Amino acid sequence: MIRLTLKSNKKPIYIAPEAITAICDNRDGGAEVYSGVDFSLVTESPEEVARKVLEWRLAMERYRAYVTAAALDENPQSNESWELAANAKAELVRLAGLEEPNHDP
């Protein structure tokens, strides 16, 4: 999922990049994001939405590749693929806007 911002109430909306069928410029600013027959008006530009979708897809492919490589390794404890998979997962969490808030004082 990627986190976008609804134009109507400035609240977050989470959309599966795989479900997005079109991204259009909205004449009032922001983008229209189509998923199937529905669409959402968001504050992000079409370019920003497209960038987030691309980043998500690349991070998901990296995650899948690292997990597969780690799972196929005969000595998984010495395999750095698990660490790479964890880093890719962290990137997916960041793109979805689900990272833990910083609790530092």
PDB file of N, CA and C in Angstrom:
ATOM      1  N   MET A   1       0.832  -1.178   0.000  1.00  0.00           N
ATOM      2  CA  MET A   1       0.000   0.000   0.000  1.00  0.00           C
ATOM      3  C   MET A   1       0.884   1.251   0.000  1.00  0.00           C
ATOM      4  N   ILE A   2       0.372   2.268  -0.629  1.00  0.00           N
ATOM      5  CA  ILE A   2       1.023   3.572  -0.536  1.00  0.00           C
ATOM      6  C   ILE A   2       0.049   4.527   0.144  1.00  0.00           C
ATOM      7  N   ARG A   3       0.608   5.430   0.909  1.00  0.00           N
ATOM      8  CA  ARG A   3      -0.234   6.406   1.594  1.00  0.00           C
ATOM      9  C   ARG A   3      -0.285   7.690   0.777  1.00  0.00           C
ATOM     10  N   LEU A   4      -1.504   8.133   0.513  1.00  0.00           N
ATOM     11  CA  LEU A   4      -1.755   9.400  -0.166  1.00  0.00           C
ATOM     12  C   LEU A   4      -2.645  10.231   0.747  1.00  0.00           C
ATOM     13  N   THR A   5      -2.946  11.461   0.346  1.00  0.00           N
ATOM     14  CA  THR A   5      -3.757  12.358   1.167  1.00  0.00           C
ATOM     15  C   THR A   5      -5.011  12.760   0.406  1.00  0.00           C
ATOM     16  N   LEU A   6      -6.171  12.457   0.979  1.00  0.00           N
ATOM     17  CA  LEU A   6      -7.422  12.853   0.343  1.00  0.00           C
ATOM     18  C   LEU A   6      -7.515  14.370   0.277  1.00  0.00           C
ATOM     19  N   LYS A   7      -7.942  14.861  -0.860  1.00  0.00           N
ATOM     20  CA  LYS A   7      -8.052  16.306  -1.051  1.00  0.00           C
ATOM     21  C   LYS A   7      -9.198  16.894  -0.227  1.00  0.00           C
ATOM     22  N   SER A   8     -10.277  16.154  -0.067  1.00  0.00           N
ATOM     23  CA  SER A   8     -11.478  16.673   0.584  1.00  0.00           C
ATOM     24  C   SER A   8     -11.295  16.957   2.065  1.00  0.00           C
ATOM     25  N   ASN A   9     -10.565  16.079   2.776  1.00  0.00           N
ATOM     26  CA  ASN A   9     -10.464  16.255   4.222  1.00  0.00           C
ATOM     27  C   ASN A   9      -9.032  16.146   4.752  1.00  0.00           C
ATOM     28  N   LYS A  10      -8.073  16.044   3.843  1.00  0.00           N
ATOM     29  CA  LYS A  10      -6.640  15.970   4.197  1.00  0.00           C
ATOM     30  C   LYS A  10      -6.292  14.750   5.045  1.00  0.00           C
ATOM     31  N   LYS A  11      -7.137  13.730   5.029  1.00  0.00           N
ATOM     32  CA  LYS A  11      -6.856  12.499   5.773  1.00  0.00           C
ATOM     33  C   LYS A  11      -6.130  11.518   4.859  1.00  0.00           C
ATOM     34  N   PRO A  12      -5.340  10.622   5.466  1.00  0.00           N
ATOM     35  CA  PRO A  12      -4.627   9.649   4.637  1.00  0.00           C
ATOM     36  C   PRO A  12      -5.569   8.618   4.028  1.00  0.00           C
ATOM     37  N   ILE A  13      -5.190   8.172   2.846  1.00  0.00           N
ATOM     38  CA  ILE A  13      -5.873   7.061   2.192  1.00  0.00           C
ATOM     39  C   ILE A  13      -4.780   6.102   1.750  1.00  0.00           C
ATOM     40  N   TYR A  14      -5.024   4.823   1.924  1.00  0.00           N
ATOM     41  CA  TYR A  14      -4.050   3.799   1.578  1.00  0.00           C
ATOM     42  C   TYR A  14      -4.572   3.048   0.359  1.00  0.00           C
ATOM     43  N   ILE A  15      -3.760   3.046  -0.694  1.00  0.00           N
ATOM     44  CA  ILE A  15      -4.184   2.445  -1.959  1.00  0.00           C
ATOM     45  C   ILE A  15      -3.157   1.401  -2.380  1.00  0.00           C
ATOM     46  N   ALA A  16      -3.642   0.249  -2.809  1.00  0.00           N
ATOM     47  CA  ALA A  16      -2.751  -0.793  -3.327  1.00  0.00           C
ATOM     48  C   ALA A  16      -2.262  -0.379  -4.709  1.00  0.00           C
ATOM     49  N   PRO A  17      -0.949  -0.234  -4.894  1.00  0.00           N
ATOM     50  CA  PRO A  17      -0.429   0.181  -6.198  1.00  0.00           C
ATOM     51  C   PRO A  17      -0.869  -0.741  -7.338  1.00  0.00           C
ATOM     52  N   GLU A  18      -1.039  -2.019  -7.027  1.00  0.00           N
ATOM     53  CA  GLU A  18      -1.460  -2.978  -8.051  1.00  0.00           C
ATOM     54  C   GLU A  18      -2.869  -2.685  -8.568  1.00  0.00           C
ATOM     55  N   ALA A  19      -3.664  -1.981  -7.765  1.00  0.00           N
ATOM     56  CA  ALA A  19      -5.052  -1.697  -8.141  1.00  0.00           C
ATOM     57  C   ALA A  19      -5.191  -0.408  -8.950  1.00  0.00           C
ATOM     58  N   ILE A  20      -4.142   0.413  -8.996  1.00  0.00           N
ATOM     59  CA  ILE A  20      -4.224   1.689  -9.706  1.00  0.00           C
ATOM     60  C   ILE A  20      -4.203   1.447 -11.205  1.00  0.00           C
ATOM     61  N   THR A  21      -5.236   1.974 -11.875  1.00  0.00           N
ATOM     62  CA  THR A  21      -5.332   1.801 -13.330  1.00  0.00           C
ATOM     63  C   THR A  21      -4.989   3.068 -14.086  1.00  0.00           C
ATOM     64  N   ALA A  22      -5.106   4.234 -13.435  1.00  0.00           N
ATOM     65  CA  ALA A  22      -4.778   5.502 -14.099  1.00  0.00           C
ATOM     66  C   ALA A  22      -4.542   6.575 -13.051  1.00  0.00           C
ATOM     67  N   ILE A  23      -3.689   7.529 -13.426  1.00  0.00           N
ATOM     68  CA  ILE A  23      -3.417   8.692 -12.588  1.00  0.00           C
ATOM     69  C   ILE A  23      -3.550   9.907 -13.493  1.00  0.00           C
ATOM     70  N   CYS A  24      -4.455  10.816 -13.147  1.00  0.00           N
ATOM     71  CA  CYS A  24      -4.697  11.992 -13.987  1.00  0.00           C
ATOM     72  C   CYS A  24      -4.489  13.267 -13.183  1.00  0.00           C
ATOM     73  N   ASP A  25      -4.085  14.310 -13.893  1.00  0.00           N
ATOM     74  CA  ASP A  25      -3.947  15.631 -13.294  1.00  0.00           C
ATOM     75  C   ASP A  25      -5.343  16.182 -13.042  1.00  0.00           C
ATOM     76  N   ASN A  26      -5.553  16.741 -11.862  1.00  0.00           N
ATOM     77  CA  ASN A  26      -6.826  17.376 -11.546  1.00  0.00           C
ATOM     78  C   ASN A  26      -6.659  18.870 -11.753  1.00  0.00           C
ATOM     79  N   ARG A  27      -7.559  19.483 -12.468  1.00  0.00           N
ATOM     80  CA  ARG A  27      -7.407  20.910 -12.810  1.00  0.00           C
ATOM     81  C   ARG A  27      -7.375  21.812 -11.587  1.00  0.00           C
ATOM     82  N   ASP A  28      -7.873  21.337 -10.457  1.00  0.00           N
ATOM     83  CA  ASP A  28      -7.859  22.121  -9.219  1.00  0.00           C
ATOM     84  C   ASP A  28      -6.622  21.807  -8.368  1.00  0.00           C
ATOM     85  N   GLY A  29      -5.668  21.081  -8.920  1.00  0.00           N
ATOM     86  CA  GLY A  29      -4.469  20.697  -8.185  1.00  0.00           C
ATOM     87  C   GLY A  29      -4.586  19.275  -7.679  1.00  0.00           C
ATOM     88  N   GLY A  30      -3.472  18.641  -7.546  1.00  0.00           N
ATOM     89  CA  GLY A  30      -3.474  17.258  -7.094  1.00  0.00           C
ATOM     90  C   GLY A  30      -3.734  16.313  -8.243  1.00  0.00           C
ATOM     91  N   ALA A  31      -4.133  15.097  -7.877  1.00  0.00           N
ATOM     92  CA  ALA A  31      -4.325  14.056  -8.886  1.00  0.00           C
ATOM     93  C   ALA A  31      -5.618  13.300  -8.638  1.00  0.00           C
ATOM     94  N   GLU A  32      -6.117  12.714  -9.701  1.00  0.00           N
ATOM     95  CA  GLU A  32      -7.214  11.758  -9.633  1.00  0.00           C
ATOM     96  C   GLU A  32      -6.566  10.385  -9.779  1.00  0.00           C
ATOM     97  N   VAL A  33      -6.759   9.533  -8.790  1.00  0.00           N
ATOM     98  CA  VAL A  33      -6.165   8.203  -8.805  1.00  0.00           C
ATOM     99  C   VAL A  33      -7.297   7.200  -9.002  1.00  0.00           C
ATOM    100  N   TYR A  34      -7.254   6.496 -10.129  1.00  0.00           N
ATOM    101  CA  TYR A  34      -8.298   5.535 -10.476  1.00  0.00           C
ATOM    102  C   TYR A  34      -7.861   4.128 -10.096  1.00  0.00           C
ATOM    103  N   SER A  35      -8.777   3.414  -9.464  1.00  0.00           N
ATOM    104  CA  SER A  35      -8.570   2.000  -9.173  1.00  0.00           C
ATOM    105  C   SER A  35      -9.888   1.299  -9.491  1.00  0.00           C
ATOM    106  N   GLY A  36      -9.881   0.622 -10.614  1.00  0.00           N
ATOM    107  CA  GLY A  36     -11.117   0.018 -11.102  1.00  0.00           C
ATOM    108  C   GLY A  36     -12.047   1.112 -11.589  1.00  0.00           C
ATOM    109  N   VAL A  37     -13.296   1.100 -11.136  1.00  0.00           N
ATOM    110  CA  VAL A  37     -14.263   2.119 -11.548  1.00  0.00           C
ATOM    111  C   VAL A  37     -14.301   3.302 -10.584  1.00  0.00           C
ATOM    112  N   ASP A  38     -13.620   3.172  -9.435  1.00  0.00           N
ATOM    113  CA  ASP A  38     -13.584   4.243  -8.436  1.00  0.00           C
ATOM    114  C   ASP A  38     -12.373   5.133  -8.640  1.00  0.00           C
ATOM    115  N   PHE A  39     -12.462   6.350  -8.133  1.00  0.00           N
ATOM    116  CA  PHE A  39     -11.288   7.218  -8.127  1.00  0.00           C
ATOM    117  C   PHE A  39     -11.286   8.047  -6.860  1.00  0.00           C
ATOM    118  N   SER A  40     -10.086   8.487  -6.510  1.00  0.00           N
ATOM    119  CA  SER A  40      -9.901   9.334  -5.336  1.00  0.00           C
ATOM    120  C   SER A  40      -9.169  10.589  -5.761  1.00  0.00           C
ATOM    121  N   LEU A  41      -9.601  11.732  -5.240  1.00  0.00           N
ATOM    122  CA  LEU A  41      -8.891  12.985  -5.455  1.00  0.00           C
ATOM    123  C   LEU A  41      -7.892  13.135  -4.318  1.00  0.00           C
ATOM    124  N   VAL A  42      -6.625  13.285  -4.679  1.00  0.00           N
ATOM    125  CA  VAL A  42      -5.578  13.386  -3.672  1.00  0.00           C
ATOM    126  C   VAL A  42      -4.796  14.685  -3.862  1.00  0.00           C
ATOM    127  N   THR A  43      -4.115  15.102  -2.812  1.00  0.00           N
ATOM    128  CA  THR A  43      -3.352  16.354  -2.869  1.00  0.00           C
ATOM    129  C   THR A  43      -2.032  16.192  -3.614  1.00  0.00           C
ATOM    130  N   GLU A  44      -1.507  14.968  -3.675  1.00  0.00           N
ATOM    131  CA  GLU A  44      -0.237  14.727  -4.353  1.00  0.00           C
ATOM    132  C   GLU A  44      -0.397  14.922  -5.858  1.00  0.00           C
ATOM    133  N   SER A  45       0.683  15.360  -6.502  1.00  0.00           N
ATOM    134  CA  SER A  45       0.673  15.535  -7.953  1.00  0.00           C
ATOM    135  C   SER A  45       0.675  14.158  -8.631  1.00  0.00           C
ATOM    136  N   PRO A  46       0.258  14.100  -9.899  1.00  0.00           N
ATOM    137  CA  PRO A  46       0.318  12.828 -10.617  1.00  0.00           C
ATOM    138  C   PRO A  46       1.740  12.250 -10.629  1.00  0.00           C
ATOM    139  N   GLU A  47       2.740  13.134 -10.749  1.00  0.00           N
ATOM    140  CA  GLU A  47       4.125  12.669 -10.767  1.00  0.00           C
ATOM    141  C   GLU A  47       4.527  12.045  -9.429  1.00  0.00           C
ATOM    142  N   GLU A  48       4.065  12.647  -8.328  1.00  0.00           N
ATOM    143  CA  GLU A  48       4.369  12.118  -7.001  1.00  0.00           C
ATOM    144  C   GLU A  48       3.694  10.759  -6.804  1.00  0.00           C
ATOM    145  N   VAL A  49       2.457  10.621  -7.250  1.00  0.00           N
ATOM    146  CA  VAL A  49       1.757   9.338  -7.133  1.00  0.00           C
ATOM    147  C   VAL A  49       2.491   8.288  -7.962  1.00  0.00           C
ATOM    148  N   ALA A  50       2.856   8.635  -9.184  1.00  0.00           N
ATOM    149  CA  ALA A  50       3.571   7.688 -10.047  1.00  0.00           C
ATOM    150  C   ALA A  50       4.911   7.295  -9.427  1.00  0.00           C
ATOM    151  N   ARG A  51       5.621   8.258  -8.825  1.00  0.00           N
ATOM    152  CA  ARG A  51       6.894   7.956  -8.172  1.00  0.00           C
ATOM    153  C   ARG A  51       6.699   6.986  -7.011  1.00  0.00           C
ATOM    154  N   LYS A  52       5.652   7.213  -6.203  1.00  0.00           N
ATOM    155  CA  LYS A  52       5.380   6.317  -5.080  1.00  0.00           C
ATOM    156  C   LYS A  52       5.026   4.910  -5.559  1.00  0.00           C
ATOM    157  N   VAL A  53       4.249   4.823  -6.631  1.00  0.00           N
ATOM    158  CA  VAL A  53       3.885   3.514  -7.181  1.00  0.00           C
ATOM    159  C   VAL A  53       5.140   2.794  -7.663  1.00  0.00           C
ATOM    160  N   LEU A  54       5.996   3.498  -8.388  1.00  0.00           N
ATOM    161  CA  LEU A  54       7.223   2.892  -8.895  1.00  0.00           C
ATOM    162  C   LEU A  54       8.131   2.457  -7.743  1.00  0.00           C
ATOM    163  N   GLU A  55       8.317   3.325  -6.750  1.00  0.00           N
ATOM    164  CA  GLU A  55       9.136   2.970  -5.589  1.00  0.00           C
ATOM    165  C   GLU A  55       8.593   1.734  -4.891  1.00  0.00           C
ATOM    166  N   TRP A  56       7.263   1.670  -4.739  1.00  0.00           N
ATOM    167  CA  TRP A  56       6.638   0.515  -4.085  1.00  0.00           C
ATOM    168  C   TRP A  56       6.914  -0.752  -4.877  1.00  0.00           C
ATOM    169  N   ARG A  57       6.700  -0.708  -6.169  1.00  0.00           N
ATOM    170  CA  ARG A  57       6.895  -1.908  -6.988  1.00  0.00           C
ATOM    171  C   ARG A  57       8.345  -2.373  -6.974  1.00  0.00           C
ATOM    172  N   LEU A  58       9.287  -1.435  -7.056  1.00  0.00           N
ATOM    173  CA  LEU A  58      10.704  -1.810  -7.009  1.00  0.00           C
ATOM    174  C   LEU A  58      11.070  -2.400  -5.648  1.00  0.00           C
ATOM    175  N   ALA A  59      10.588  -1.789  -4.570  1.00  0.00           N
ATOM    176  CA  ALA A  59      10.870  -2.304  -3.225  1.00  0.00           C
ATOM    177  C   ALA A  59      10.241  -3.684  -3.037  1.00  0.00           C
ATOM    178  N   MET A  60       9.048  -3.899  -3.554  1.00  0.00           N
ATOM    179  CA  MET A  60       8.394  -5.201  -3.429  1.00  0.00           C
ATOM    180  C   MET A  60       9.172  -6.268  -4.200  1.00  0.00           C
ATOM    181  N   GLU A  61       9.658  -5.930  -5.391  1.00  0.00           N
ATOM    182  CA  GLU A  61      10.456  -6.889  -6.166  1.00  0.00           C
ATOM    183  C   GLU A  61      11.757  -7.222  -5.442  1.00  0.00           C
ATOM    184  N   ARG A  62      12.408  -6.202  -4.850  1.00  0.00           N
ATOM    185  CA  ARG A  62      13.625  -6.458  -4.077  1.00  0.00           C
ATOM    186  C   ARG A  62      13.312  -7.364  -2.891  1.00  0.00           C
ATOM    187  N   TYR A  63      12.240  -7.076  -2.176  1.00  0.00           N
ATOM    188  CA  TYR A  63      11.857  -7.885  -1.019  1.00  0.00           C
ATOM    189  C   TYR A  63      11.640  -9.342  -1.428  1.00  0.00           C
ATOM    190  N   ARG A  64      10.876  -9.558  -2.477  1.00  0.00           N
ATOM    191  CA  ARG A  64      10.615 -10.929  -2.945  1.00  0.00           C
ATOM    192  C   ARG A  64      11.906 -11.639  -3.334  1.00  0.00           C
ATOM    193  N   ALA A  65      12.783 -10.937  -4.056  1.00  0.00           N
ATOM    194  CA  ALA A  65      14.037 -11.550  -4.498  1.00  0.00           C
ATOM    195  C   ALA A  65      14.916 -11.928  -3.305  1.00  0.00           C
ATOM    196  N   TYR A  66      15.025 -11.042  -2.311  1.00  0.00           N
ATOM    197  CA  TYR A  66      15.872 -11.317  -1.154  1.00  0.00           C
ATOM    198  C   TYR A  66      15.310 -12.459  -0.309  1.00  0.00           C
ATOM    199  N   VAL A  67      14.002 -12.478  -0.116  1.00  0.00           N
ATOM    200  CA  VAL A  67      13.393 -13.555   0.670  1.00  0.00           C
ATOM    201  C   VAL A  67      13.570 -14.888  -0.050  1.00  0.00           C
ATOM    202  N   THR A  68      13.378 -14.896  -1.348  1.00  0.00           N
ATOM    203  CA  THR A  68      13.566 -16.129  -2.123  1.00  0.00           C
ATOM    204  C   THR A  68      15.006 -16.603  -2.036  1.00  0.00           C
ATOM    205  N   ALA A  69      15.961 -15.688  -2.221  1.00  0.00           N
ATOM    206  CA  ALA A  69      17.377 -16.053  -2.140  1.00  0.00           C
ATOM    207  C   ALA A  69      17.724 -16.598  -0.760  1.00  0.00           C
ATOM    208  N   ALA A  70      17.221 -15.963   0.278  1.00  0.00           N
ATOM    209  CA  ALA A  70      17.503 -16.412   1.636  1.00  0.00           C
ATOM    210  C   ALA A  70      16.881 -17.780   1.900  1.00  0.00           C
ATOM    211  N   ALA A  71      15.681 -17.992   1.435  1.00  0.00           N
ATOM    212  CA  ALA A  71      14.987 -19.261   1.661  1.00  0.00           C
ATOM    213  C   ALA A  71      15.662 -20.419   0.928  1.00  0.00           C
ATOM    214  N   LEU A  72      16.287 -20.134  -0.202  1.00  0.00           N
ATOM    215  CA  LEU A  72      16.942 -21.184  -0.995  1.00  0.00           C
ATOM    216  C   LEU A  72      18.372 -21.467  -0.553  1.00  0.00           C
ATOM    217  N   ASP A  73      18.932 -20.610   0.285  1.00  0.00           N
ATOM    218  CA  ASP A  73      20.309 -20.781   0.729  1.00  0.00           C
ATOM    219  C   ASP A  73      20.406 -21.970   1.679  1.00  0.00           C
ATOM    220  N   GLU A  74      21.453 -22.787   1.494  1.00  0.00           N
ATOM    221  CA  GLU A  74      21.638 -23.969   2.345  1.00  0.00           C
ATOM    222  C   GLU A  74      22.142 -23.602   3.741  1.00  0.00           C
ATOM    223  N   ASN A  75      22.721 -22.427   3.883  1.00  0.00           N
ATOM    224  CA  ASN A  75      23.210 -21.972   5.180  1.00  0.00           C
ATOM    225  C   ASN A  75      22.632 -20.582   5.465  1.00  0.00           C
ATOM    226  N   PRO A  76      21.333 -20.511   5.806  1.00  0.00           N
ATOM    227  CA  PRO A  76      20.662 -19.203   5.923  1.00  0.00           C
ATOM    228  C   PRO A  76      21.209 -18.303   7.027  1.00  0.00           C
ATOM    229  N   GLN A  77      21.837 -18.866   8.053  1.00  0.00           N
ATOM    230  CA  GLN A  77      22.343 -18.019   9.133  1.00  0.00           C
ATOM    231  C   GLN A  77      23.473 -17.112   8.652  1.00  0.00           C
ATOM    232  N   SER A  78      24.237 -17.558   7.677  1.00  0.00           N
ATOM    233  CA  SER A  78      25.343 -16.740   7.185  1.00  0.00           C
ATOM    234  C   SER A  78      24.946 -15.934   5.953  1.00  0.00           C
ATOM    235  N   ASN A  79      23.666 -15.958   5.620  1.00  0.00           N
ATOM    236  CA  ASN A  79      23.178 -15.315   4.402  1.00  0.00           C
ATOM    237  C   ASN A  79      22.758 -13.876   4.702  1.00  0.00           C
ATOM    238  N   GLU A  80      23.322 -12.929   3.956  1.00  0.00           N
ATOM    239  CA  GLU A  80      22.945 -11.531   4.158  1.00  0.00           C
ATOM    240  C   GLU A  80      21.604 -11.187   3.515  1.00  0.00           C
ATOM    241  N   SER A  81      20.998 -12.129   2.790  1.00  0.00           N
ATOM    242  CA  SER A  81      19.712 -11.865   2.135  1.00  0.00           C
ATOM    243  C   SER A  81      18.616 -11.551   3.131  1.00  0.00           C
ATOM    244  N   TRP A  82      18.671 -12.135   4.341  1.00  0.00           N
ATOM    245  CA  TRP A  82      17.646 -11.832   5.346  1.00  0.00           C
ATOM    246  C   TRP A  82      17.732 -10.376   5.764  1.00  0.00           C
ATOM    247  N   GLU A  83      18.959  -9.873   5.919  1.00  0.00           N
ATOM    248  CA  GLU A  83      19.121  -8.462   6.269  1.00  0.00           C
ATOM    249  C   GLU A  83      18.648  -7.562   5.133  1.00  0.00           C
ATOM    250  N   LEU A  84      18.976  -7.942   3.902  1.00  0.00           N
ATOM    251  CA  LEU A  84      18.513  -7.174   2.746  1.00  0.00           C
ATOM    252  C   LEU A  84      16.988  -7.200   2.654  1.00  0.00           C
ATOM    253  N   ALA A  85      16.388  -8.361   2.956  1.00  0.00           N
ATOM    254  CA  ALA A  85      14.925  -8.472   2.947  1.00  0.00           C
ATOM    255  C   ALA A  85      14.317  -7.570   4.023  1.00  0.00           C
ATOM    256  N   ALA A  86      14.944  -7.526   5.186  1.00  0.00           N
ATOM    257  CA  ALA A  86      14.447  -6.666   6.263  1.00  0.00           C
ATOM    258  C   ALA A  86      14.522  -5.198   5.859  1.00  0.00           C
ATOM    259  N   ASN A  87      15.606  -4.811   5.176  1.00  0.00           N
ATOM    260  CA  ASN A  87      15.733  -3.426   4.700  1.00  0.00           C
ATOM    261  C   ASN A  87      14.662  -3.103   3.659  1.00  0.00           C
ATOM    262  N   ALA A  88      14.400  -4.037   2.743  1.00  0.00           N
ATOM    263  CA  ALA A  88      13.365  -3.825   1.728  1.00  0.00           C
ATOM    264  C   ALA A  88      11.990  -3.738   2.384  1.00  0.00           C
ATOM    265  N   LYS A  89      11.759  -4.554   3.415  1.00  0.00           N
ATOM    266  CA  LYS A  89      10.484  -4.498   4.141  1.00  0.00           C
ATOM    267  C   LYS A  89      10.326  -3.143   4.825  1.00  0.00           C
ATOM    268  N   ALA A  90      11.408  -2.643   5.406  1.00  0.00           N
ATOM    269  CA  ALA A  90      11.353  -1.332   6.053  1.00  0.00           C
ATOM    270  C   ALA A  90      11.005  -0.242   5.039  1.00  0.00           C
ATOM    271  N   GLU A  91      11.518  -0.369   3.828  1.00  0.00           N
ATOM    272  CA  GLU A  91      11.195   0.600   2.772  1.00  0.00           C
ATOM    273  C   GLU A  91       9.718   0.515   2.397  1.00  0.00           C
ATOM    274  N   LEU A  92       9.163  -0.685   2.327  1.00  0.00           N
ATOM    275  CA  LEU A  92       7.732  -0.848   2.040  1.00  0.00           C
ATOM    276  C   LEU A  92       6.891  -0.216   3.154  1.00  0.00           C
ATOM    277  N   VAL A  93       7.301  -0.407   4.388  1.00  0.00           N
ATOM    278  CA  VAL A  93       6.591   0.191   5.526  1.00  0.00           C
ATOM    279  C   VAL A  93       6.636   1.714   5.430  1.00  0.00           C
ATOM    280  N   ARG A  94       7.808   2.251   5.064  1.00  0.00           N
ATOM    281  CA  ARG A  94       7.939   3.703   4.926  1.00  0.00           C
ATOM    282  C   ARG A  94       7.033   4.226   3.821  1.00  0.00           C
ATOM    283  N   LEU A  95       7.019   3.553   2.681  1.00  0.00           N
ATOM    284  CA  LEU A  95       6.183   3.987   1.559  1.00  0.00           C
ATOM    285  C   LEU A  95       4.697   3.932   1.902  1.00  0.00           C
ATOM    286  N   ALA A  96       4.329   2.985   2.748  1.00  0.00           N
ATOM    287  CA  ALA A  96       2.932   2.878   3.168  1.00  0.00           C
ATOM    288  C   ALA A  96       2.591   3.881   4.268  1.00  0.00           C
ATOM    289  N   GLY A  97       3.599   4.568   4.788  1.00  0.00           N
ATOM    290  CA  GLY A  97       3.344   5.531   5.856  1.00  0.00           C
ATOM    291  C   GLY A  97       3.034   4.865   7.179  1.00  0.00           C
ATOM    292  N   LEU A  98       3.580   3.681   7.391  1.00  0.00           N
ATOM    293  CA  LEU A  98       3.263   2.920   8.595  1.00  0.00           C
ATOM    294  C   LEU A  98       4.430   2.834   9.574  1.00  0.00           C
ATOM    295  N   GLU A  99       5.473   3.634   9.345  1.00  0.00           N
ATOM    296  CA  GLU A  99       6.618   3.579  10.247  1.00  0.00           C
ATOM    297  C   GLU A  99       6.217   4.048  11.637  1.00  0.00           C
ATOM    298  N   GLU A 100       6.944   3.557  12.621  1.00  0.00           N
ATOM    299  CA  GLU A 100       6.674   3.943  13.994  1.00  0.00           C
ATOM    300  C   GLU A 100       7.049   5.406  14.177  1.00  0.00           C
ATOM    301  N   PRO A 101       6.250   6.155  14.932  1.00  0.00           N
ATOM    302  CA  PRO A 101       6.617   7.551  15.190  1.00  0.00           C
ATOM    303  C   PRO A 101       7.895   7.610  16.017  1.00  0.00           C
ATOM    304  N   ASN A 102       8.648   8.659  15.820  1.00  0.00           N
ATOM    305  CA  ASN A 102       9.886   8.850  16.563  1.00  0.00           C
ATOM    306  C   ASN A 102       9.540   9.289  17.980  1.00  0.00           C
ATOM    307  N   HIS A 103       9.972   8.490  18.947  1.00  0.00           N
ATOM    308  CA  HIS A 103       9.647   8.781  20.347  1.00  0.00           C
ATOM    309  C   HIS A 103      10.794   9.447  21.086  1.00  0.00           C
ATOM    310  N   ASP A 104      11.821   9.900  20.364  1.00  0.00           N
ATOM    311  CA  ASP A 104      12.942  10.561  21.020  1.00  0.00           C
ATOM    312  C   ASP A 104      12.491  11.903  21.592  1.00  0.00           C
ATOM    313  N   PRO A 105      12.980  12.264  22.782  1.00  0.00           N
ATOM    314  CA  PRO A 105      12.578  13.553  23.381  1.00  0.00           C
ATOM    315  C   PRO A 105      13.173  14.717  22.650  1.00  0.00           C
TER     316      PRO A 105
END
